[in-house]
């Protein structure tokens, strides 16, 4: 997955950052973090809005001056942590494993109970009819040509 595993989300859209591409984690000189496409669009919007038209735009959080050329990509490694989505998926996998384990235990218990019942039946027959459970002698088959 391309989603960054640091649990971070874009301050502007609240979606998880990506390790690369249009929504890669990035920062302004002030240190605030955003998704790349979101902050670039926001800086352009602020620069082009008539009320806010100026040569420099600013960070939407701290209002420190910033321009698009100052946006820096942040390279996040998979070892940085786990985001909520990955944690949820892992929990779902573990829950599925637990359900499967419970099902296997239930099946094993059913088979054990069935085997114990069959053993009890055979023991009852052996007590009631000694020799009833002995193996019958093999039958000889005469083949003529």
N, C-alpha and C. Protein backbone atom coordinates (compact mmCIF):
# COMPACT_ATOMS: atom_id res chain seq x y z
N UNK A 1 0.84 -1.18 0.00
CA UNK A 1 0.00 0.00 0.00
C UNK A 1 0.88 1.23 0.00
N UNK A 2 0.39 2.27 -0.63
CA UNK A 2 1.13 3.51 -0.73
C UNK A 2 0.86 4.42 0.45
N UNK A 3 -0.10 4.08 1.29
CA UNK A 3 -0.44 4.92 2.43
C UNK A 3 0.72 4.92 3.42
N UNK A 4 1.09 6.10 3.88
CA UNK A 4 2.18 6.21 4.85
C UNK A 4 1.74 5.59 6.17
N UNK A 5 2.64 4.90 6.83
CA UNK A 5 2.31 4.18 8.05
C UNK A 5 2.73 4.94 9.29
N UNK A 6 2.52 6.25 9.30
CA UNK A 6 2.89 6.98 10.50
C UNK A 6 1.67 7.48 11.25
N UNK A 7 0.47 7.08 10.81
CA UNK A 7 -0.74 7.48 11.51
C UNK A 7 -1.12 8.91 11.22
N UNK A 8 -0.32 9.64 10.41
CA UNK A 8 -0.59 11.04 10.14
C UNK A 8 -1.66 11.25 9.09
N UNK A 9 -2.32 12.38 9.24
CA UNK A 9 -3.37 12.76 8.30
C UNK A 9 -3.16 14.20 7.89
N UNK A 10 -3.59 14.50 6.71
CA UNK A 10 -3.51 15.86 6.19
C UNK A 10 -4.40 16.77 7.05
N UNK A 11 -3.87 17.91 7.44
CA UNK A 11 -4.62 18.86 8.25
C UNK A 11 -5.78 19.46 7.47
N UNK A 12 -5.66 19.53 6.15
CA UNK A 12 -6.69 20.17 5.34
C UNK A 12 -7.85 19.24 4.97
N UNK A 13 -7.55 17.98 4.62
CA UNK A 13 -8.62 17.08 4.18
C UNK A 13 -8.87 15.90 5.12
N UNK A 14 -8.00 15.70 6.09
CA UNK A 14 -8.10 14.62 7.08
C UNK A 14 -7.88 13.22 6.53
N UNK A 15 -7.43 13.11 5.29
CA UNK A 15 -7.11 11.80 4.73
C UNK A 15 -5.67 11.44 5.07
N UNK A 16 -5.35 10.14 5.12
CA UNK A 16 -3.97 9.75 5.42
C UNK A 16 -3.01 10.22 4.33
N UNK A 17 -1.80 10.54 4.74
CA UNK A 17 -0.76 10.88 3.78
C UNK A 17 -0.34 9.63 3.05
N UNK A 18 0.32 9.82 1.89
CA UNK A 18 0.90 8.72 1.14
C UNK A 18 2.41 8.86 1.14
N UNK A 19 3.09 7.74 0.89
CA UNK A 19 4.56 7.78 0.83
C UNK A 19 5.06 8.42 -0.45
N UNK A 20 4.20 8.47 -1.46
CA UNK A 20 4.58 9.09 -2.72
C UNK A 20 3.31 9.55 -3.42
N UNK A 21 3.49 10.23 -4.53
CA UNK A 21 2.34 10.63 -5.33
C UNK A 21 1.76 11.97 -4.92
N UNK A 22 0.54 12.24 -5.37
CA UNK A 22 -0.05 13.56 -5.21
C UNK A 22 -0.43 13.89 -3.77
N UNK A 23 -0.59 12.91 -2.92
CA UNK A 23 -0.96 13.20 -1.53
C UNK A 23 0.15 12.78 -0.56
N UNK A 24 1.38 12.87 -1.05
CA UNK A 24 2.53 12.55 -0.20
C UNK A 24 2.61 13.57 0.93
N UNK A 25 3.06 13.12 2.09
CA UNK A 25 3.26 14.03 3.21
C UNK A 25 4.28 15.09 2.81
N UNK A 26 4.00 16.36 3.16
CA UNK A 26 4.94 17.43 2.88
C UNK A 26 4.84 18.46 3.99
N UNK A 27 5.79 19.36 4.00
CA UNK A 27 5.85 20.37 5.05
C UNK A 27 6.14 21.74 4.46
N UNK A 28 5.75 22.75 5.19
CA UNK A 28 6.12 24.13 4.88
C UNK A 28 7.29 24.52 5.78
N UNK A 29 7.94 25.65 5.54
CA UNK A 29 9.06 26.05 6.38
C UNK A 29 8.70 26.13 7.87
N UNK A 30 7.45 26.40 8.19
CA UNK A 30 7.03 26.50 9.59
C UNK A 30 6.96 25.13 10.26
N UNK A 31 6.98 24.06 9.46
CA UNK A 31 6.97 22.71 10.02
C UNK A 31 5.61 22.03 10.01
N UNK A 32 4.54 22.73 9.66
CA UNK A 32 3.23 22.08 9.60
C UNK A 32 3.16 21.12 8.42
N UNK A 33 2.49 20.01 8.65
CA UNK A 33 2.43 18.93 7.65
C UNK A 33 1.07 18.89 6.96
N UNK A 34 1.11 18.54 5.66
CA UNK A 34 -0.09 18.47 4.84
C UNK A 34 0.10 17.39 3.78
N UNK A 35 -0.98 17.06 3.08
CA UNK A 35 -0.89 16.27 1.86
C UNK A 35 -0.44 17.22 0.76
N UNK A 36 0.45 16.77 -0.09
CA UNK A 36 1.04 17.64 -1.12
C UNK A 36 -0.02 18.35 -1.96
N UNK A 37 -0.96 17.61 -2.53
CA UNK A 37 -1.96 18.23 -3.40
C UNK A 37 -2.82 19.24 -2.64
N UNK A 38 -3.09 18.95 -1.38
CA UNK A 38 -3.93 19.86 -0.59
C UNK A 38 -3.24 21.19 -0.32
N UNK A 39 -1.99 21.16 0.11
CA UNK A 39 -1.32 22.42 0.45
C UNK A 39 -0.99 23.23 -0.79
N UNK A 40 -0.64 22.55 -1.89
CA UNK A 40 -0.36 23.29 -3.13
C UNK A 40 -1.64 24.00 -3.58
N UNK A 41 -2.78 23.30 -3.55
CA UNK A 41 -4.05 23.92 -3.94
C UNK A 41 -4.41 25.07 -2.99
N UNK A 42 -4.18 24.88 -1.71
CA UNK A 42 -4.50 25.92 -0.73
C UNK A 42 -3.62 27.15 -0.92
N UNK A 43 -2.33 26.95 -1.14
CA UNK A 43 -1.44 28.10 -1.37
C UNK A 43 -1.84 28.85 -2.64
N UNK A 44 -2.19 28.12 -3.69
CA UNK A 44 -2.62 28.76 -4.94
C UNK A 44 -3.93 29.52 -4.72
N UNK A 45 -4.86 28.89 -4.02
CA UNK A 45 -6.16 29.53 -3.76
C UNK A 45 -5.96 30.83 -2.99
N UNK A 46 -5.14 30.79 -1.95
CA UNK A 46 -4.90 31.98 -1.14
C UNK A 46 -4.22 33.08 -1.96
N UNK A 47 -3.33 32.67 -2.86
CA UNK A 47 -2.62 33.66 -3.69
C UNK A 47 -3.57 34.27 -4.72
N UNK A 48 -4.53 33.49 -5.22
CA UNK A 48 -5.39 33.95 -6.30
C UNK A 48 -6.71 34.56 -5.84
N UNK A 49 -7.08 34.40 -4.58
CA UNK A 49 -8.31 34.99 -4.07
C UNK A 49 -8.13 36.51 -4.02
N UNK A 50 -9.07 37.27 -4.61
CA UNK A 50 -8.91 38.73 -4.67
C UNK A 50 -8.64 39.35 -3.30
N UNK A 51 -9.35 38.93 -2.29
CA UNK A 51 -9.17 39.50 -0.95
C UNK A 51 -7.79 39.19 -0.40
N UNK A 52 -7.24 38.05 -0.80
CA UNK A 52 -5.96 37.60 -0.24
C UNK A 52 -4.82 37.69 -1.26
N UNK A 53 -5.11 38.29 -2.42
CA UNK A 53 -4.09 38.31 -3.47
C UNK A 53 -2.84 39.03 -2.98
N UNK A 54 -1.76 38.32 -3.05
CA UNK A 54 -0.47 38.87 -2.66
C UNK A 54 0.61 38.01 -3.28
N UNK A 55 1.82 38.46 -3.22
CA UNK A 55 2.91 37.71 -3.81
C UNK A 55 3.22 36.44 -3.03
N UNK A 56 3.09 36.50 -1.73
CA UNK A 56 3.34 35.33 -0.89
C UNK A 56 2.02 34.91 -0.26
N UNK A 57 1.82 33.62 -0.19
CA UNK A 57 0.67 33.10 0.54
C UNK A 57 1.14 32.79 1.94
N UNK A 58 0.37 31.99 2.68
CA UNK A 58 0.75 31.69 4.05
C UNK A 58 0.23 30.33 4.48
N UNK A 59 0.84 29.80 5.54
CA UNK A 59 0.41 28.53 6.12
C UNK A 59 -1.01 28.70 6.64
N UNK A 60 -1.91 27.80 6.32
CA UNK A 60 -3.29 27.93 6.80
C UNK A 60 -3.42 27.71 8.31
N UNK A 61 -2.36 27.24 8.96
CA UNK A 61 -2.43 27.00 10.40
C UNK A 61 -1.84 28.18 11.18
N UNK A 62 -0.60 28.54 10.89
CA UNK A 62 0.07 29.57 11.70
C UNK A 62 0.18 30.92 11.00
N UNK A 63 -0.20 30.97 9.73
CA UNK A 63 -0.18 32.20 8.94
C UNK A 63 1.22 32.71 8.60
N UNK A 64 2.23 31.87 8.83
CA UNK A 64 3.59 32.26 8.44
C UNK A 64 3.64 32.25 6.92
N UNK A 65 4.31 33.23 6.34
CA UNK A 65 4.40 33.33 4.89
C UNK A 65 4.99 32.07 4.27
N UNK A 66 4.45 31.67 3.13
CA UNK A 66 4.94 30.48 2.43
C UNK A 66 4.54 30.57 0.96
N UNK A 67 5.37 30.02 0.11
CA UNK A 67 5.05 29.92 -1.31
C UNK A 67 5.19 28.47 -1.74
N UNK A 68 4.59 28.17 -2.86
CA UNK A 68 4.57 26.80 -3.36
C UNK A 68 5.98 26.20 -3.49
N UNK A 69 6.95 27.01 -3.86
CA UNK A 69 8.31 26.53 -4.04
C UNK A 69 8.95 26.10 -2.71
N UNK A 70 8.38 26.48 -1.59
CA UNK A 70 8.92 26.12 -0.28
C UNK A 70 8.35 24.81 0.26
N UNK A 71 7.39 24.24 -0.44
CA UNK A 71 6.80 22.98 0.00
C UNK A 71 7.85 21.89 -0.16
N UNK A 72 8.08 21.12 0.88
CA UNK A 72 9.07 20.05 0.85
C UNK A 72 8.40 18.72 1.15
N UNK A 73 8.70 17.74 0.33
CA UNK A 73 8.16 16.40 0.55
C UNK A 73 8.81 15.78 1.79
N UNK A 74 8.03 15.00 2.52
CA UNK A 74 8.52 14.28 3.69
C UNK A 74 8.52 12.81 3.32
N UNK A 75 9.63 12.15 3.51
CA UNK A 75 9.73 10.75 3.15
C UNK A 75 9.53 9.90 4.40
N UNK A 76 8.41 9.19 4.42
CA UNK A 76 8.02 8.38 5.58
C UNK A 76 8.29 6.93 5.24
N UNK A 77 8.95 6.23 6.17
CA UNK A 77 9.20 4.81 5.96
C UNK A 77 8.09 4.00 6.60
N UNK A 78 7.95 2.76 6.17
CA UNK A 78 6.92 1.87 6.71
C UNK A 78 7.15 1.59 8.19
N UNK A 79 8.40 1.72 8.67
CA UNK A 79 8.69 1.43 10.06
C UNK A 79 8.29 2.56 11.00
N UNK A 80 7.80 3.66 10.48
CA UNK A 80 7.49 4.81 11.32
C UNK A 80 6.33 4.55 12.27
N UNK A 81 5.55 3.55 12.06
CA UNK A 81 4.40 3.26 12.93
C UNK A 81 3.29 2.65 12.12
N UNK A 82 2.10 2.62 12.66
CA UNK A 82 0.95 2.06 11.94
C UNK A 82 -0.16 3.09 11.90
N UNK A 83 -0.77 3.23 10.76
CA UNK A 83 -1.91 4.13 10.69
C UNK A 83 -3.17 3.38 11.13
N UNK A 84 -4.22 4.11 11.35
CA UNK A 84 -5.46 3.53 11.87
C UNK A 84 -6.01 2.46 10.94
N UNK A 85 -5.96 2.69 9.64
CA UNK A 85 -6.49 1.72 8.69
C UNK A 85 -5.74 0.40 8.79
N UNK A 86 -4.42 0.46 8.83
CA UNK A 86 -3.64 -0.77 8.93
C UNK A 86 -3.91 -1.48 10.26
N UNK A 87 -4.04 -0.73 11.33
CA UNK A 87 -4.35 -1.33 12.63
C UNK A 87 -5.72 -2.00 12.59
N UNK A 88 -6.70 -1.35 11.97
CA UNK A 88 -8.04 -1.92 11.87
C UNK A 88 -8.01 -3.21 11.04
N UNK A 89 -7.28 -3.18 9.93
CA UNK A 89 -7.18 -4.39 9.10
C UNK A 89 -6.52 -5.54 9.85
N UNK A 90 -5.48 -5.22 10.61
CA UNK A 90 -4.80 -6.27 11.39
C UNK A 90 -5.73 -6.83 12.45
N UNK A 91 -6.50 -5.93 13.12
CA UNK A 91 -7.47 -6.40 14.12
C UNK A 91 -8.50 -7.32 13.47
N UNK A 92 -8.97 -6.95 12.28
CA UNK A 92 -9.94 -7.78 11.56
C UNK A 92 -9.34 -9.15 11.22
N UNK A 93 -8.07 -9.15 10.80
CA UNK A 93 -7.40 -10.43 10.50
C UNK A 93 -7.29 -11.29 11.76
N UNK A 94 -6.93 -10.66 12.87
CA UNK A 94 -6.81 -11.41 14.13
C UNK A 94 -8.17 -11.93 14.59
N UNK A 95 -9.21 -11.11 14.44
CA UNK A 95 -10.56 -11.56 14.80
C UNK A 95 -10.98 -12.75 13.95
N UNK A 96 -10.66 -12.70 12.65
CA UNK A 96 -10.99 -13.82 11.76
C UNK A 96 -10.22 -15.07 12.17
N UNK A 97 -8.95 -14.91 12.55
CA UNK A 97 -8.17 -16.06 13.01
C UNK A 97 -8.76 -16.65 14.28
N UNK A 98 -9.20 -15.79 15.20
CA UNK A 98 -9.82 -16.28 16.43
C UNK A 98 -11.11 -17.04 16.15
N UNK A 99 -11.92 -16.52 15.23
CA UNK A 99 -13.16 -17.21 14.86
C UNK A 99 -12.86 -18.57 14.25
N UNK A 100 -11.86 -18.61 13.38
CA UNK A 100 -11.47 -19.89 12.75
C UNK A 100 -10.97 -20.87 13.81
N UNK A 101 -10.17 -20.39 14.76
CA UNK A 101 -9.67 -21.24 15.82
C UNK A 101 -10.82 -21.77 16.68
N UNK A 102 -11.78 -20.91 17.00
CA UNK A 102 -12.95 -21.36 17.77
C UNK A 102 -13.73 -22.43 17.01
N UNK A 103 -13.88 -22.23 15.71
CA UNK A 103 -14.60 -23.21 14.88
C UNK A 103 -13.86 -24.55 14.86
N UNK A 104 -12.53 -24.49 14.73
CA UNK A 104 -11.75 -25.73 14.74
C UNK A 104 -11.84 -26.44 16.09
N UNK A 105 -11.84 -25.68 17.17
CA UNK A 105 -11.99 -26.29 18.49
C UNK A 105 -13.37 -26.93 18.64
N UNK A 106 -14.40 -26.26 18.12
CA UNK A 106 -15.75 -26.81 18.19
C UNK A 106 -15.84 -28.11 17.39
N UNK A 107 -15.27 -28.12 16.19
CA UNK A 107 -15.27 -29.33 15.37
C UNK A 107 -14.50 -30.46 16.04
N UNK A 108 -13.36 -30.14 16.63
CA UNK A 108 -12.56 -31.16 17.33
C UNK A 108 -13.34 -31.73 18.51
N UNK A 109 -14.04 -30.88 19.24
CA UNK A 109 -14.84 -31.35 20.38
C UNK A 109 -15.98 -32.25 19.91
N UNK A 110 -16.62 -31.88 18.80
CA UNK A 110 -17.69 -32.71 18.25
C UNK A 110 -17.15 -34.08 17.84
N UNK A 111 -16.03 -34.10 17.16
CA UNK A 111 -15.43 -35.38 16.73
C UNK A 111 -14.99 -36.22 17.93
N UNK A 112 -14.42 -35.57 18.95
CA UNK A 112 -14.02 -36.30 20.16
C UNK A 112 -15.25 -36.91 20.84
N UNK A 113 -16.32 -36.13 20.96
CA UNK A 113 -17.55 -36.63 21.58
C UNK A 113 -18.13 -37.79 20.79
N UNK A 114 -18.11 -37.67 19.46
CA UNK A 114 -18.64 -38.74 18.60
C UNK A 114 -17.80 -40.02 18.77
N UNK A 115 -16.48 -39.84 18.81
CA UNK A 115 -15.59 -41.00 18.99
C UNK A 115 -15.80 -41.64 20.36
N UNK A 116 -15.98 -40.82 21.39
CA UNK A 116 -16.22 -41.36 22.73
C UNK A 116 -17.55 -42.11 22.79
N UNK A 117 -18.59 -41.58 22.13
CA UNK A 117 -19.88 -42.29 22.08
C UNK A 117 -19.75 -43.62 21.35
N UNK A 118 -19.05 -43.62 20.25
CA UNK A 118 -18.87 -44.85 19.48
C UNK A 118 -18.09 -45.88 20.29
N UNK A 119 -17.04 -45.43 21.00
CA UNK A 119 -16.26 -46.32 21.85
C UNK A 119 -17.14 -46.92 22.94
N UNK A 120 -17.98 -46.10 23.55
CA UNK A 120 -18.89 -46.59 24.60
C UNK A 120 -19.85 -47.63 24.04
N UNK A 121 -20.36 -47.37 22.81
CA UNK A 121 -21.27 -48.33 22.17
C UNK A 121 -20.55 -49.67 21.95
N UNK A 122 -19.34 -49.60 21.43
CA UNK A 122 -18.59 -50.83 21.16
C UNK A 122 -18.25 -51.57 22.45
N UNK A 123 -17.92 -50.81 23.49
CA UNK A 123 -17.64 -51.46 24.78
C UNK A 123 -18.90 -52.13 25.33
N UNK A 124 -20.05 -51.51 25.15
CA UNK A 124 -21.32 -52.11 25.62
C UNK A 124 -21.61 -53.39 24.85
N UNK A 125 -21.37 -53.38 23.55
CA UNK A 125 -21.58 -54.59 22.75
C UNK A 125 -20.62 -55.68 23.19
N UNK A 126 -19.38 -55.32 23.45
CA UNK A 126 -18.37 -56.30 23.86
C UNK A 126 -18.75 -56.95 25.18
N UNK A 127 -19.33 -56.19 26.10
CA UNK A 127 -19.73 -56.73 27.39
C UNK A 127 -20.98 -57.60 27.22
N UNK A 128 -21.95 -57.14 26.42
CA UNK A 128 -23.21 -57.86 26.26
C UNK A 128 -23.04 -59.11 25.40
N UNK A 129 -22.19 -59.05 24.42
CA UNK A 129 -22.03 -60.17 23.51
C UNK A 129 -20.54 -60.45 23.31
N UNK A 130 -19.94 -61.16 24.23
CA UNK A 130 -18.51 -61.46 24.05
C UNK A 130 -18.28 -62.17 22.72
N UNK A 131 -17.28 -61.77 22.03
CA UNK A 131 -16.95 -62.37 20.74
C UNK A 131 -17.66 -61.71 19.57
N UNK A 132 -18.64 -60.86 19.84
CA UNK A 132 -19.39 -60.22 18.76
C UNK A 132 -18.51 -59.26 17.97
N UNK A 133 -17.50 -58.75 18.62
CA UNK A 133 -16.65 -57.79 17.95
C UNK A 133 -15.39 -58.41 17.37
N UNK A 134 -15.25 -59.73 17.51
CA UNK A 134 -14.05 -60.37 16.96
C UNK A 134 -14.14 -60.37 15.45
N UNK A 135 -13.01 -60.42 14.84
CA UNK A 135 -12.95 -60.38 13.39
C UNK A 135 -13.37 -61.73 12.84
N UNK A 136 -14.32 -61.75 11.90
CA UNK A 136 -14.73 -63.02 11.32
C UNK A 136 -13.59 -63.62 10.50
N UNK A 137 -13.55 -64.93 10.41
CA UNK A 137 -12.48 -65.56 9.62
C UNK A 137 -12.60 -65.15 8.17
N UNK A 138 -11.49 -65.09 7.47
CA UNK A 138 -11.54 -64.70 6.07
C UNK A 138 -12.32 -65.75 5.26
N UNK A 139 -13.00 -65.30 4.26
CA UNK A 139 -13.79 -66.16 3.41
C UNK A 139 -12.91 -66.58 2.24
N UNK A 140 -12.86 -67.85 1.99
CA UNK A 140 -12.08 -68.35 0.87
C UNK A 140 -12.93 -68.31 -0.37
N UNK A 141 -12.35 -67.86 -1.44
CA UNK A 141 -13.05 -67.78 -2.69
C UNK A 141 -12.36 -68.77 -3.65
N UNK A 142 -13.14 -69.63 -4.20
CA UNK A 142 -12.60 -70.59 -5.13
C UNK A 142 -12.82 -70.05 -6.53
N UNK A 143 -11.73 -69.92 -7.26
CA UNK A 143 -11.82 -69.41 -8.62
C UNK A 143 -11.52 -70.56 -9.54
N UNK A 144 -12.46 -70.80 -10.43
CA UNK A 144 -12.27 -71.86 -11.44
C UNK A 144 -12.20 -71.24 -12.81
N UNK A 145 -11.46 -71.91 -13.65
CA UNK A 145 -11.36 -71.37 -14.98
C UNK A 145 -12.12 -72.16 -15.99
